[in-house]
PDB file of all heavy atoms in Angstrom:
ATOM      1  N   TYR A   1       0.809  -1.191  -0.055  1.00  0.00           N
ATOM      2  CA  TYR A   1       0.025   0.039  -0.024  1.00  0.00           C
ATOM      3  C   TYR A   1       0.898   1.235  -0.022  1.00  0.00           C
ATOM      4  O   TYR A   1       1.922   1.309   0.701  1.00  0.00           O
ATOM      5  CB  TYR A   1      -0.942   0.039   1.205  1.00  0.00           C
ATOM      6  CG  TYR A   1      -1.989  -1.038   1.335  1.00  0.00           C
ATOM      7  CD1 TYR A   1      -1.813  -2.180   2.117  1.00  0.00           C
ATOM      8  CD2 TYR A   1      -3.200  -0.887   0.574  1.00  0.00           C
ATOM      9  CE1 TYR A   1      -2.798  -3.080   2.227  1.00  0.00           C
ATOM     10  CE2 TYR A   1      -4.160  -1.894   0.641  1.00  0.00           C
ATOM     11  CZ  TYR A   1      -3.985  -2.957   1.399  1.00  0.00           C
ATOM     12  OH  TYR A   1      -4.921  -3.902   1.511  1.00  0.00           O
ATOM     13  N   ALA A   2       0.402   2.217  -0.746  1.00  0.00           N
ATOM     14  CA  ALA A   2       0.982   3.556  -0.552  1.00  0.00           C
ATOM     15  C   ALA A   2       0.801   4.034   0.870  1.00  0.00           C
ATOM     16  O   ALA A   2      -0.250   3.704   1.459  1.00  0.00           O
ATOM     17  CB  ALA A   2       0.347   4.512  -1.504  1.00  0.00           C
ATOM     18  N   ASP A   3       1.646   4.812   1.365  1.00  0.00           N
ATOM     19  CA  ASP A   3       1.501   5.297   2.741  1.00  0.00           C
ATOM     20  C   ASP A   3       0.115   5.997   2.919  1.00  0.00           C
ATOM     21  O   ASP A   3      -0.523   5.942   4.041  1.00  0.00           O
ATOM     22  CB  ASP A   3       2.695   6.285   3.118  1.00  0.00           C
ATOM     23  CG  ASP A   3       3.983   5.583   3.261  1.00  0.00           C
ATOM     24  OD1 ASP A   3       4.041   4.426   3.365  1.00  0.00           O
ATOM     25  OD2 ASP A   3       5.047   6.364   3.268  1.00  0.00           O
ATOM     26  N   SER A   4      -0.332   6.770   1.977  1.00  0.00           N
ATOM     27  CA  SER A   4      -1.533   7.398   2.086  1.00  0.00           C
ATOM     28  C   SER A   4      -2.780   6.509   2.156  1.00  0.00           C
ATOM     29  O   SER A   4      -3.796   6.932   2.612  1.00  0.00           O
ATOM     30  CB  SER A   4      -1.775   8.368   0.798  1.00  0.00           C
ATOM     31  OG  SER A   4      -1.739   7.553  -0.351  1.00  0.00           O
ATOM     32  N   ALA A   5      -2.549   5.272   1.759  1.00  0.00           N
ATOM     33  CA  ALA A   5      -3.652   4.321   1.794  1.00  0.00           C
ATOM     34  C   ALA A   5      -3.691   3.354   2.952  1.00  0.00           C
ATOM     35  O   ALA A   5      -4.693   2.704   3.308  1.00  0.00           O
ATOM     36  CB  ALA A   5      -3.637   3.480   0.574  1.00  0.00           C
ATOM     37  N   LYS A   6      -2.523   3.256   3.594  1.00  0.00           N
ATOM     38  CA  LYS A   6      -2.434   2.330   4.788  1.00  0.00           C
ATOM     39  C   LYS A   6      -3.381   2.557   5.885  1.00  0.00           C
ATOM     40  O   LYS A   6      -3.519   3.757   6.265  1.00  0.00           O
ATOM     41  CB  LYS A   6      -1.018   2.406   5.233  1.00  0.00           C
ATOM     42  CG  LYS A   6       0.094   1.737   4.379  1.00  0.00           C
ATOM     43  CD  LYS A   6       1.450   1.884   4.883  1.00  0.00           C
ATOM     44  CE  LYS A   6       2.526   1.370   3.985  1.00  0.00           C
ATOM     45  NZ  LYS A   6       3.887   1.564   4.534  1.00  0.00           N
ATOM     46  N   GLY A   7      -4.066   1.612   6.314  1.00  0.00           N
ATOM     47  CA  GLY A   7      -4.993   1.636   7.427  1.00  0.00           C
ATOM     48  C   GLY A   7      -6.414   2.104   6.934  1.00  0.00           C
ATOM     49  O   GLY A   7      -7.348   2.071   7.818  1.00  0.00           O
ATOM     50  N   ARG A   8      -6.554   2.467   5.658  1.00  0.00           N
ATOM     51  CA  ARG A   8      -7.771   2.987   5.234  1.00  0.00           C
ATOM     52  C   ARG A   8      -8.337   2.187   4.044  1.00  0.00           C
ATOM     53  O   ARG A   8      -9.522   2.011   3.813  1.00  0.00           O
ATOM     54  CB  ARG A   8      -7.696   4.498   4.878  1.00  0.00           C
ATOM     55  CG  ARG A   8      -7.349   5.449   5.937  1.00  0.00           C
ATOM     56  CD  ARG A   8      -7.468   6.839   5.544  1.00  0.00           C
ATOM     57  NE  ARG A   8      -6.601   7.162   4.441  1.00  0.00           N
ATOM     58  CZ  ARG A   8      -7.028   7.741   3.276  1.00  0.00           C
ATOM     59  NH1 ARG A   8      -8.329   8.126   3.189  1.00  0.00           N
ATOM     60  NH2 ARG A   8      -6.155   8.006   2.315  1.00  0.00           N
ATOM     61  N   PHE A   9      -7.460   1.737   3.155  1.00  0.00           N
ATOM     62  CA  PHE A   9      -7.807   1.032   1.932  1.00  0.00           C
ATOM     63  C   PHE A   9      -7.423  -0.462   2.047  1.00  0.00           C
ATOM     64  O   PHE A   9      -6.433  -0.833   2.700  1.00  0.00           O
ATOM     65  CB  PHE A   9      -7.097   1.627   0.718  1.00  0.00           C
ATOM     66  CG  PHE A   9      -7.461   3.086   0.384  1.00  0.00           C
ATOM     67  CD1 PHE A   9      -8.397   3.781   1.144  1.00  0.00           C
ATOM     68  CD2 PHE A   9      -6.855   3.636  -0.693  1.00  0.00           C
ATOM     69  CE1 PHE A   9      -8.775   5.115   0.872  1.00  0.00           C
ATOM     70  CE2 PHE A   9      -7.241   5.010  -1.034  1.00  0.00           C
ATOM     71  CZ  PHE A   9      -8.209   5.657  -0.257  1.00  0.00           C
ATOM     72  N   THR A  10      -8.200  -1.253   1.389  1.00  0.00           N
ATOM     73  CA  THR A  10      -7.930  -2.732   1.363  1.00  0.00           C
ATOM     74  C   THR A  10      -8.094  -3.222  -0.077  1.00  0.00           C
ATOM     75  O   THR A  10      -9.235  -3.050  -0.625  1.00  0.00           O
ATOM     76  CB  THR A  10      -8.865  -3.436   2.243  1.00  0.00           C
ATOM     77  OG1 THR A  10      -8.774  -2.976   3.618  1.00  0.00           O
ATOM     78  CG2 THR A  10      -8.497  -4.937   2.308  1.00  0.00           C
ATOM     79  N   ILE A  11      -7.109  -3.846  -0.564  1.00  0.00           N
ATOM     80  CA  ILE A  11      -7.159  -4.482  -1.903  1.00  0.00           C
ATOM     81  C   ILE A  11      -7.422  -5.927  -1.753  1.00  0.00           C
ATOM     82  O   ILE A  11      -6.975  -6.564  -0.773  1.00  0.00           O
ATOM     83  CB  ILE A  11      -5.850  -4.211  -2.692  1.00  0.00           C
ATOM     84  CG1 ILE A  11      -6.003  -4.709  -4.049  1.00  0.00           C
ATOM     85  CG2 ILE A  11      -4.677  -4.882  -2.063  1.00  0.00           C
ATOM     86  CD1 ILE A  11      -4.913  -4.318  -5.055  1.00  0.00           C
ATOM     87  N   SER A  12      -8.254  -6.448  -2.588  1.00  0.00           N
ATOM     88  CA  SER A  12      -8.645  -7.886  -2.498  1.00  0.00           C
ATOM     89  C   SER A  12      -8.939  -8.448  -3.919  1.00  0.00           C
ATOM     90  O   SER A  12      -9.158  -7.532  -4.904  1.00  0.00           O
ATOM     91  CB  SER A  12      -9.620  -8.150  -1.618  1.00  0.00           C
ATOM     92  OG  SER A  12     -10.969  -7.633  -2.048  1.00  0.00           O
ATOM     93  N   ARG A  13      -9.105  -9.688  -4.106  1.00  0.00           N
ATOM     94  CA  ARG A  13      -9.347 -10.241  -5.368  1.00  0.00           C
ATOM     95  C   ARG A  13     -10.397 -11.400  -5.195  1.00  0.00           C
ATOM     96  O   ARG A  13     -10.429 -12.030  -4.195  1.00  0.00           O
ATOM     97  CB  ARG A  13      -8.132 -10.754  -6.059  1.00  0.00           C
ATOM     98  CG  ARG A  13      -7.481 -11.881  -5.331  1.00  0.00           C
ATOM     99  CD  ARG A  13      -6.034 -12.116  -5.986  1.00  0.00           C
ATOM    100  NE  ARG A  13      -6.176 -12.840  -7.294  1.00  0.00           N
ATOM    101  CZ  ARG A  13      -5.074 -13.190  -7.983  1.00  0.00           C
ATOM    102  NH1 ARG A  13      -3.888 -12.812  -7.568  1.00  0.00           N
ATOM    103  NH2 ARG A  13      -5.179 -13.749  -9.128  1.00  0.00           N
ATOM    104  N   ASP A  14     -11.163 -11.617  -6.217  1.00  0.00           N
ATOM    105  CA  ASP A  14     -11.992 -12.836  -6.223  1.00  0.00           C
ATOM    106  C   ASP A  14     -11.732 -13.508  -7.521  1.00  0.00           C
ATOM    107  O   ASP A  14     -12.168 -13.088  -8.585  1.00  0.00           O
ATOM    108  CB  ASP A  14     -13.483 -12.317  -6.216  1.00  0.00           C
ATOM    109  CG  ASP A  14     -14.432 -13.615  -6.069  1.00  0.00           C
ATOM    110  OD1 ASP A  14     -14.082 -14.602  -6.647  1.00  0.00           O
ATOM    111  OD2 ASP A  14     -15.487 -13.411  -5.580  1.00  0.00           O
ATOM    112  N   ASN A  15     -10.905 -14.562  -7.453  1.00  0.00           N
ATOM    113  CA  ASN A  15     -10.530 -15.312  -8.711  1.00  0.00           C
ATOM    114  C   ASN A  15     -11.699 -15.934  -9.460  1.00  0.00           C
ATOM    115  O   ASN A  15     -11.663 -15.882 -10.663  1.00  0.00           O
ATOM    116  CB  ASN A  15      -9.520 -16.406  -8.290  1.00  0.00           C
ATOM    117  CG  ASN A  15      -8.222 -15.840  -7.776  1.00  0.00           C
ATOM    118  OD1 ASN A  15      -7.816 -14.749  -8.212  1.00  0.00           O
ATOM    119  ND2 ASN A  15      -7.512 -16.640  -7.004  1.00  0.00           N
ATOM    120  N   ALA A  16     -12.631 -16.374  -8.750  1.00  0.00           N
ATOM    121  CA  ALA A  16     -13.800 -16.951  -9.408  1.00  0.00           C
ATOM    122  C   ALA A  16     -14.579 -15.925 -10.279  1.00  0.00           C
ATOM    123  O   ALA A  16     -15.131 -16.282 -11.324  1.00  0.00           O
ATOM    124  CB  ALA A  16     -14.815 -17.548  -8.396  1.00  0.00           C
ATOM    125  N   LYS A  17     -14.527 -14.704  -9.746  1.00  0.00           N
ATOM    126  CA  LYS A  17     -15.279 -13.648 -10.570  1.00  0.00           C
ATOM    127  C   LYS A  17     -14.290 -12.851 -11.415  1.00  0.00           C
ATOM    128  O   LYS A  17     -14.799 -11.876 -12.097  1.00  0.00           O
ATOM    129  CB  LYS A  17     -15.992 -12.770  -9.576  1.00  0.00           C
ATOM    130  CG  LYS A  17     -17.114 -13.368  -8.815  1.00  0.00           C
ATOM    131  CD  LYS A  17     -17.874 -12.369  -7.851  1.00  0.00           C
ATOM    132  CE  LYS A  17     -18.994 -13.038  -7.146  1.00  0.00           C
ATOM    133  NZ  LYS A  17     -19.661 -12.054  -6.263  1.00  0.00           N
ATOM    134  N   ASN A  18     -13.050 -13.158 -11.367  1.00  0.00           N
ATOM    135  CA  ASN A  18     -12.039 -12.390 -12.249  1.00  0.00           C
ATOM    136  C   ASN A  18     -12.126 -10.892 -11.839  1.00  0.00           C
ATOM    137  O   ASN A  18     -12.194  -9.995 -12.778  1.00  0.00           O
ATOM    138  CB  ASN A  18     -12.194 -12.644 -13.678  1.00  0.00           C
ATOM    139  CG  ASN A  18     -11.729 -13.940 -14.099  1.00  0.00           C
ATOM    140  OD1 ASN A  18     -10.779 -14.545 -13.529  1.00  0.00           O
ATOM    141  ND2 ASN A  18     -12.417 -14.505 -15.065  1.00  0.00           N
ATOM    142  N   THR A  19     -12.224 -10.582 -10.602  1.00  0.00           N
ATOM    143  CA  THR A  19     -12.539  -9.175 -10.220  1.00  0.00           C
ATOM    144  C   THR A  19     -11.472  -8.816  -9.028  1.00  0.00           C
ATOM    145  O   THR A  19     -11.183  -9.617  -8.191  1.00  0.00           O
ATOM    146  CB  THR A  19     -13.923  -9.092  -9.723  1.00  0.00           C
ATOM    147  OG1 THR A  19     -14.776  -9.467 -10.670  1.00  0.00           O
ATOM    148  CG2 THR A  19     -14.213  -7.702  -9.232  1.00  0.00           C
ATOM    149  N   VAL A  20     -10.979  -7.640  -9.097  1.00  0.00           N
ATOM    150  CA  VAL A  20     -10.177  -7.041  -8.066  1.00  0.00           C
ATOM    151  C   VAL A  20     -10.944  -5.865  -7.389  1.00  0.00           C
ATOM    152  O   VAL A  20     -11.608  -5.161  -8.149  1.00  0.00           O
ATOM    153  CB  VAL A  20      -8.892  -6.466  -8.709  1.00  0.00           C
ATOM    154  CG1 VAL A  20      -7.960  -5.841  -7.602  1.00  0.00           C
ATOM    155  CG2 VAL A  20      -8.100  -7.558  -9.456  1.00  0.00           C
ATOM    156  N   TYR A  21     -10.779  -5.717  -6.216  1.00  0.00           N
ATOM    157  CA  TYR A  21     -11.608  -4.755  -5.452  1.00  0.00           C
ATOM    158  C   TYR A  21     -10.625  -3.826  -4.735  1.00  0.00           C
ATOM    159  O   TYR A  21      -9.505  -4.158  -4.321  1.00  0.00           O
ATOM    160  CB  TYR A  21     -12.528  -5.376  -4.417  1.00  0.00           C
ATOM    161  CG  TYR A  21     -13.450  -6.397  -4.956  1.00  0.00           C
ATOM    162  CD1 TYR A  21     -13.227  -7.742  -4.976  1.00  0.00           C
ATOM    163  CD2 TYR A  21     -14.647  -5.937  -5.517  1.00  0.00           C
ATOM    164  CE1 TYR A  21     -14.106  -8.655  -5.503  1.00  0.00           C
ATOM    165  CE2 TYR A  21     -15.620  -6.793  -6.127  1.00  0.00           C
ATOM    166  CZ  TYR A  21     -15.273  -8.102  -6.010  1.00  0.00           C
ATOM    167  OH  TYR A  21     -16.236  -9.082  -6.632  1.00  0.00           O
ATOM    168  N   LEU A  22     -11.097  -2.553  -4.418  1.00  0.00           N
ATOM    169  CA  LEU A  22     -10.422  -1.744  -3.563  1.00  0.00           C
ATOM    170  C   LEU A  22     -11.452  -1.117  -2.595  1.00  0.00           C
ATOM    171  O   LEU A  22     -12.305  -0.331  -3.060  1.00  0.00           O
ATOM    172  CB  LEU A  22      -9.694  -0.509  -4.320  1.00  0.00           C
ATOM    173  CG  LEU A  22      -8.943   0.364  -3.474  1.00  0.00           C
ATOM    174  CD1 LEU A  22      -7.676  -0.268  -2.836  1.00  0.00           C
ATOM    175  CD2 LEU A  22      -8.428   1.596  -4.234  1.00  0.00           C
ATOM    176  N   GLN A  23     -11.417  -1.539  -1.404  1.00  0.00           N
ATOM    177  CA  GLN A  23     -12.306  -0.915  -0.372  1.00  0.00           C
ATOM    178  C   GLN A  23     -11.670   0.321   0.224  1.00  0.00           C
ATOM    179  O   GLN A  23     -10.526   0.220   0.679  1.00  0.00           O
ATOM    180  CB  GLN A  23     -12.620  -2.007   0.677  1.00  0.00           C
ATOM    181  CG  GLN A  23     -13.420  -1.472   1.840  1.00  0.00           C
ATOM    182  CD  GLN A  23     -14.823  -1.196   1.407  1.00  0.00           C
ATOM    183  OE1 GLN A  23     -15.514  -1.910   0.655  1.00  0.00           O
ATOM    184  NE2 GLN A  23     -15.462   0.024   1.918  1.00  0.00           N
ATOM    185  N   MET A  24     -12.302   1.426   0.160  1.00  0.00           N
ATOM    186  CA  MET A  24     -11.819   2.646   0.620  1.00  0.00           C
ATOM    187  C   MET A  24     -12.747   3.252   1.752  1.00  0.00           C
ATOM    188  O   MET A  24     -13.872   3.494   1.483  1.00  0.00           O
ATOM    189  CB  MET A  24     -11.712   3.700  -0.480  1.00  0.00           C
ATOM    190  CG  MET A  24     -10.883   3.219  -1.705  1.00  0.00           C
ATOM    191  SD  MET A  24     -10.656   4.498  -2.974  1.00  0.00           S
ATOM    192  CE  MET A  24     -12.273   4.720  -3.566  1.00  0.00           C
ATOM    193  N   ASN A  25     -12.026   3.357   2.935  1.00  0.00           N
ATOM    194  CA  ASN A  25     -12.739   3.871   4.100  1.00  0.00           C
ATOM    195  C   ASN A  25     -12.088   5.171   4.493  1.00  0.00           C
ATOM    196  O   ASN A  25     -10.920   5.492   4.117  1.00  0.00           O
ATOM    197  CB  ASN A  25     -12.710   2.829   5.209  1.00  0.00           C
ATOM    198  CG  ASN A  25     -13.463   1.559   4.854  1.00  0.00           C
ATOM    199  OD1 ASN A  25     -14.396   1.531   4.071  1.00  0.00           O
ATOM    200  ND2 ASN A  25     -12.935   0.454   5.365  1.00  0.00           N
ATOM    201  N   SER A  26     -12.836   6.034   5.264  1.00  0.00           N
ATOM    202  CA  SER A  26     -12.309   7.214   5.890  1.00  0.00           C
ATOM    203  C   SER A  26     -11.755   8.073   4.756  1.00  0.00           C
ATOM    204  O   SER A  26     -10.594   8.615   4.895  1.00  0.00           O
ATOM    205  CB  SER A  26     -11.216   6.848   6.955  1.00  0.00           C
ATOM    206  OG  SER A  26     -11.783   6.082   7.946  1.00  0.00           O
ATOM    207  N   LEU A  27     -12.462   8.281   3.728  1.00  0.00           N
ATOM    208  CA  LEU A  27     -12.066   8.947   2.609  1.00  0.00           C
ATOM    209  C   LEU A  27     -11.820  10.448   2.940  1.00  0.00           C
ATOM    210  O   LEU A  27     -12.620  10.975   3.720  1.00  0.00           O
ATOM    211  CB  LEU A  27     -12.997   8.844   1.407  1.00  0.00           C
ATOM    212  CG  LEU A  27     -12.792   7.452   0.652  1.00  0.00           C
ATOM    213  CD1 LEU A  27     -14.100   7.199  -0.132  1.00  0.00           C
ATOM    214  CD2 LEU A  27     -11.574   7.495  -0.190  1.00  0.00           C
ATOM    215  N   LYS A  28     -10.766  11.037   2.310  1.00  0.00           N
ATOM    216  CA  LYS A  28     -10.457  12.409   2.465  1.00  0.00           C
ATOM    217  C   LYS A  28     -10.497  13.104   1.092  1.00  0.00           C
ATOM    218  O   LYS A  28     -10.435  12.492   0.023  1.00  0.00           O
ATOM    219  CB  LYS A  28      -9.020  12.448   2.979  1.00  0.00           C
ATOM    220  CG  LYS A  28      -8.732  11.736   4.278  1.00  0.00           C
ATOM    221  CD  LYS A  28      -7.262  11.680   4.590  1.00  0.00           C
ATOM    222  CE  LYS A  28      -6.915  10.839   5.810  1.00  0.00           C
ATOM    223  NZ  LYS A  28      -5.457  10.841   6.147  1.00  0.00           N
ATOM    224  N   PRO A  29     -10.721  14.488   1.133  1.00  0.00           N
ATOM    225  CA  PRO A  29     -10.768  15.254  -0.098  1.00  0.00           C
ATOM    226  C   PRO A  29      -9.495  14.976  -0.924  1.00  0.00           C
ATOM    227  O   PRO A  29      -9.611  15.010  -2.179  1.00  0.00           O
ATOM    228  CB  PRO A  29     -10.819  16.708   0.354  1.00  0.00           C
ATOM    229  CG  PRO A  29     -11.416  16.540   1.775  1.00  0.00           C
ATOM    230  CD  PRO A  29     -10.934  15.279   2.333  1.00  0.00           C
ATOM    231  N   GLU A  30      -8.345  14.701  -0.301  1.00  0.00           N
ATOM    232  CA  GLU A  30      -7.057  14.491  -1.174  1.00  0.00           C
ATOM    233  C   GLU A  30      -7.069  13.113  -1.772  1.00  0.00           C
ATOM    234  O   GLU A  30      -6.263  12.889  -2.546  1.00  0.00           O
ATOM    235  CB  GLU A  30      -5.862  14.605  -0.264  1.00  0.00           C
ATOM    236  CG  GLU A  30      -5.890  13.821   1.094  1.00  0.00           C
ATOM    237  CD  GLU A  30      -6.267  14.732   2.282  1.00  0.00           C
ATOM    238  OE1 GLU A  30      -7.289  15.501   2.144  1.00  0.00           O
ATOM    239  OE2 GLU A  30      -5.687  14.614   3.368  1.00  0.00           O
ATOM    240  N   ASP A  31      -8.129  12.337  -1.452  1.00  0.00           N
ATOM    241  CA  ASP A  31      -8.276  11.003  -2.233  1.00  0.00           C
ATOM    242  C   ASP A  31      -8.962  11.207  -3.630  1.00  0.00           C
ATOM    243  O   ASP A  31      -9.029  10.340  -4.410  1.00  0.00           O
ATOM    244  CB  ASP A  31      -9.035  10.096  -1.429  1.00  0.00           C
ATOM    245  CG  ASP A  31      -8.269   9.613  -0.137  1.00  0.00           C
ATOM    246  OD1 ASP A  31      -7.039   9.349  -0.236  1.00  0.00           O
ATOM    247  OD2 ASP A  31      -9.026   9.539   0.885  1.00  0.00           O
ATOM    248  N   THR A  32      -9.431  12.439  -3.800  1.00  0.00           N
ATOM    249  CA  THR A  32     -10.120  12.640  -5.132  1.00  0.00           C
ATOM    250  C   THR A  32      -9.153  12.518  -6.266  1.00  0.00           C
ATOM    251  O   THR A  32      -8.122  13.041  -6.281  1.00  0.00           O
ATOM    252  CB  THR A  32     -10.667  14.158  -5.084  1.00  0.00           C
ATOM    253  OG1 THR A  32     -11.637  14.339  -4.047  1.00  0.00           O
ATOM    254  CG2 THR A  32     -11.250  14.542  -6.418  1.00  0.00           C
ATOM    255  N   ALA A  33      -9.561  11.664  -7.129  1.00  0.00           N
ATOM    256  CA  ALA A  33      -8.806  11.323  -8.316  1.00  0.00           C
ATOM    257  C   ALA A  33      -9.507  10.413  -9.337  1.00  0.00           C
ATOM    258  O   ALA A  33     -10.608   9.884  -8.842  1.00  0.00           O
ATOM    259  CB  ALA A  33      -7.405  10.662  -7.888  1.00  0.00           C
ATOM    260  N   VAL A  34      -8.935  10.144 -10.443  1.00  0.00           N
ATOM    261  CA  VAL A  34      -9.410   9.069 -11.268  1.00  0.00           C
ATOM    262  C   VAL A  34      -8.601   7.759 -10.898  1.00  0.00           C
ATOM    263  O   VAL A  34      -7.383   7.778 -10.810  1.00  0.00           O
ATOM    264  CB  VAL A  34      -9.256   9.336 -12.693  1.00  0.00           C
ATOM    265  CG1 VAL A  34      -9.690   8.121 -13.567  1.00  0.00           C
ATOM    266  CG2 VAL A  34      -9.987  10.636 -13.217  1.00  0.00           C
ATOM    267  N   TYR A  35      -9.292   6.732 -10.479  1.00  0.00           N
ATOM    268  CA  TYR A  35      -8.706   5.443 -10.079  1.00  0.00           C
ATOM    269  C   TYR A  35      -8.695   4.515 -11.243  1.00  0.00           C
ATOM    270  O   TYR A  35      -9.651   4.222 -11.876  1.00  0.00           O
ATOM    271  CB  TYR A  35      -9.415   4.973  -8.894  1.00  0.00           C
ATOM    272  CG  TYR A  35      -9.189   5.685  -7.586  1.00  0.00           C
ATOM    273  CD1 TYR A  35      -9.548   6.920  -7.431  1.00  0.00           C
ATOM    274  CD2 TYR A  35      -8.391   5.091  -6.577  1.00  0.00           C
ATOM    275  CE1 TYR A  35      -9.263   7.644  -6.208  1.00  0.00           C
ATOM    276  CE2 TYR A  35      -8.114   5.865  -5.363  1.00  0.00           C
ATOM    277  CZ  TYR A  35      -8.605   7.106  -5.283  1.00  0.00           C
ATOM    278  OH  TYR A  35      -8.284   7.776  -4.111  1.00  0.00           O
ATOM    279  N   TYR A  36      -7.460   3.893 -11.444  1.00  0.00           N
ATOM    280  CA  TYR A  36      -7.316   2.932 -12.415  1.00  0.00           C
ATOM    281  C   TYR A  36      -6.868   1.537 -12.014  1.00  0.00           C
ATOM    282  O   TYR A  36      -6.075   1.531 -11.104  1.00  0.00           O
ATOM    283  CB  TYR A  36      -6.134   3.460 -13.466  1.00  0.00           C
ATOM    284  CG  TYR A  36      -6.466   4.725 -14.142  1.00  0.00           C
ATOM    285  CD1 TYR A  36      -5.963   5.945 -13.529  1.00  0.00           C
ATOM    286  CD2 TYR A  36      -7.004   4.737 -15.417  1.00  0.00           C
ATOM    287  CE1 TYR A  36      -6.255   7.152 -14.187  1.00  0.00           C
ATOM    288  CE2 TYR A  36      -7.246   5.932 -16.062  1.00  0.00           C
ATOM    289  CZ  TYR A  36      -6.945   7.144 -15.420  1.00  0.00           C
ATOM    290  OH  TYR A  36      -7.170   8.322 -16.029  1.00  0.00           O
ATOM    291  N   CYS A  37      -7.469   0.619 -12.552  1.00  0.00           N
ATOM    292  CA  CYS A  37      -7.101  -0.808 -12.292  1.00  0.00           C
ATOM    293  C   CYS A  37      -5.947  -1.232 -13.136  1.00  0.00           C
ATOM    294  O   CYS A  37      -5.935  -0.857 -14.402  1.00  0.00           O
ATOM    295  CB  CYS A  37      -8.353  -1.675 -12.493  1.00  0.00           C
ATOM    296  SG  CYS A  37      -8.056  -3.397 -12.303  1.00  0.00           S
ATOM    297  N   TYR A  38      -5.099  -2.032 -12.628  1.00  0.00           N
ATOM    298  CA  TYR A  38      -3.901  -2.504 -13.408  1.00  0.00           C
ATOM    299  C   TYR A  38      -3.698  -3.969 -13.197  1.00  0.00           C
ATOM    300  O   TYR A  38      -3.806  -4.406 -12.024  1.00  0.00           O
ATOM    301  CB  TYR A  38      -2.670  -1.739 -13.032  1.00  0.00           C
ATOM    302  CG  TYR A  38      -1.348  -2.398 -13.480  1.00  0.00           C
ATOM    303  CD1 TYR A  38      -0.920  -2.241 -14.810  1.00  0.00           C
ATOM    304  CD2 TYR A  38      -0.608  -3.206 -12.647  1.00  0.00           C
ATOM    305  CE1 TYR A  38       0.162  -2.804 -15.330  1.00  0.00           C
ATOM    306  CE2 TYR A  38       0.504  -3.780 -13.159  1.00  0.00           C
ATOM    307  CZ  TYR A  38       0.945  -3.620 -14.509  1.00  0.00           C
ATOM    308  OH  TYR A  38       2.084  -4.246 -14.904  1.00  0.00           O
ATOM    309  N   VAL A  39      -3.444  -4.668 -14.259  1.00  0.00           N
ATOM    310  CA  VAL A  39      -3.109  -6.153 -14.202  1.00  0.00           C
ATOM    311  C   VAL A  39      -1.867  -6.309 -15.112  1.00  0.00           C
ATOM    312  O   VAL A  39      -1.766  -5.739 -16.179  1.00  0.00           O
ATOM    313  CB  VAL A  39      -4.342  -6.957 -14.626  1.00  0.00           C
ATOM    314  CG1 VAL A  39      -3.761  -8.454 -14.661  1.00  0.00           C
ATOM    315  CG2 VAL A  39      -5.470  -6.807 -13.767  1.00  0.00           C
ATOM    316  N   GLY A  40      -0.870  -7.041 -14.524  1.00  0.00           N
ATOM    317  CA  GLY A  40       0.348  -7.273 -15.349  1.00  0.00           C
ATOM    318  C   GLY A  40       1.046  -8.572 -15.140  1.00  0.00           C
ATOM    319  O   GLY A  40       0.651  -9.280 -14.133  1.00  0.00           O
ATOM    320  N   GLY A  41       1.842  -8.948 -15.998  1.00  0.00           N
ATOM    321  CA  GLY A  41       2.706 -10.060 -15.900  1.00  0.00           C
ATOM    322  C   GLY A  41       2.049 -11.407 -16.254  1.00  0.00           C
ATOM    323  O   GLY A  41       1.595 -12.105 -15.413  1.00  0.00           O
ATOM    324  N   PRO A  42       2.088 -11.796 -17.622  1.00  0.00           N
ATOM    325  CA  PRO A  42       2.768 -11.055 -18.666  1.00  0.00           C
ATOM    326  C   PRO A  42       1.801  -9.946 -19.295  1.00  0.00           C
ATOM    327  O   PRO A  42       0.612 -10.062 -19.158  1.00  0.00           O
ATOM    328  CB  PRO A  42       3.090 -12.116 -19.729  1.00  0.00           C
ATOM    329  CG  PRO A  42       1.938 -13.135 -19.479  1.00  0.00           C
ATOM    330  CD  PRO A  42       1.620 -13.154 -18.101  1.00  0.00           C
ATOM    331  N   GLY A  43       2.472  -8.952 -19.818  1.00  0.00           N
ATOM    332  CA  GLY A  43       1.735  -7.861 -20.451  1.00  0.00           C
ATOM    333  C   GLY A  43       1.281  -6.811 -19.314  1.00  0.00           C
ATOM    334  O   GLY A  43       1.400  -7.109 -18.155  1.00  0.00           O
TER     335      GLY A  43
END
């Protein structure tokens, strides 16, 4: 986790659903952004 996300955000995956999640709690105005999902290796 990035330092800014530690203790507030949780990443998880569901292989059966081919889905990755990001649970974000205690959100702050500085969390405002466009959030992108990334998958790699290979490609």
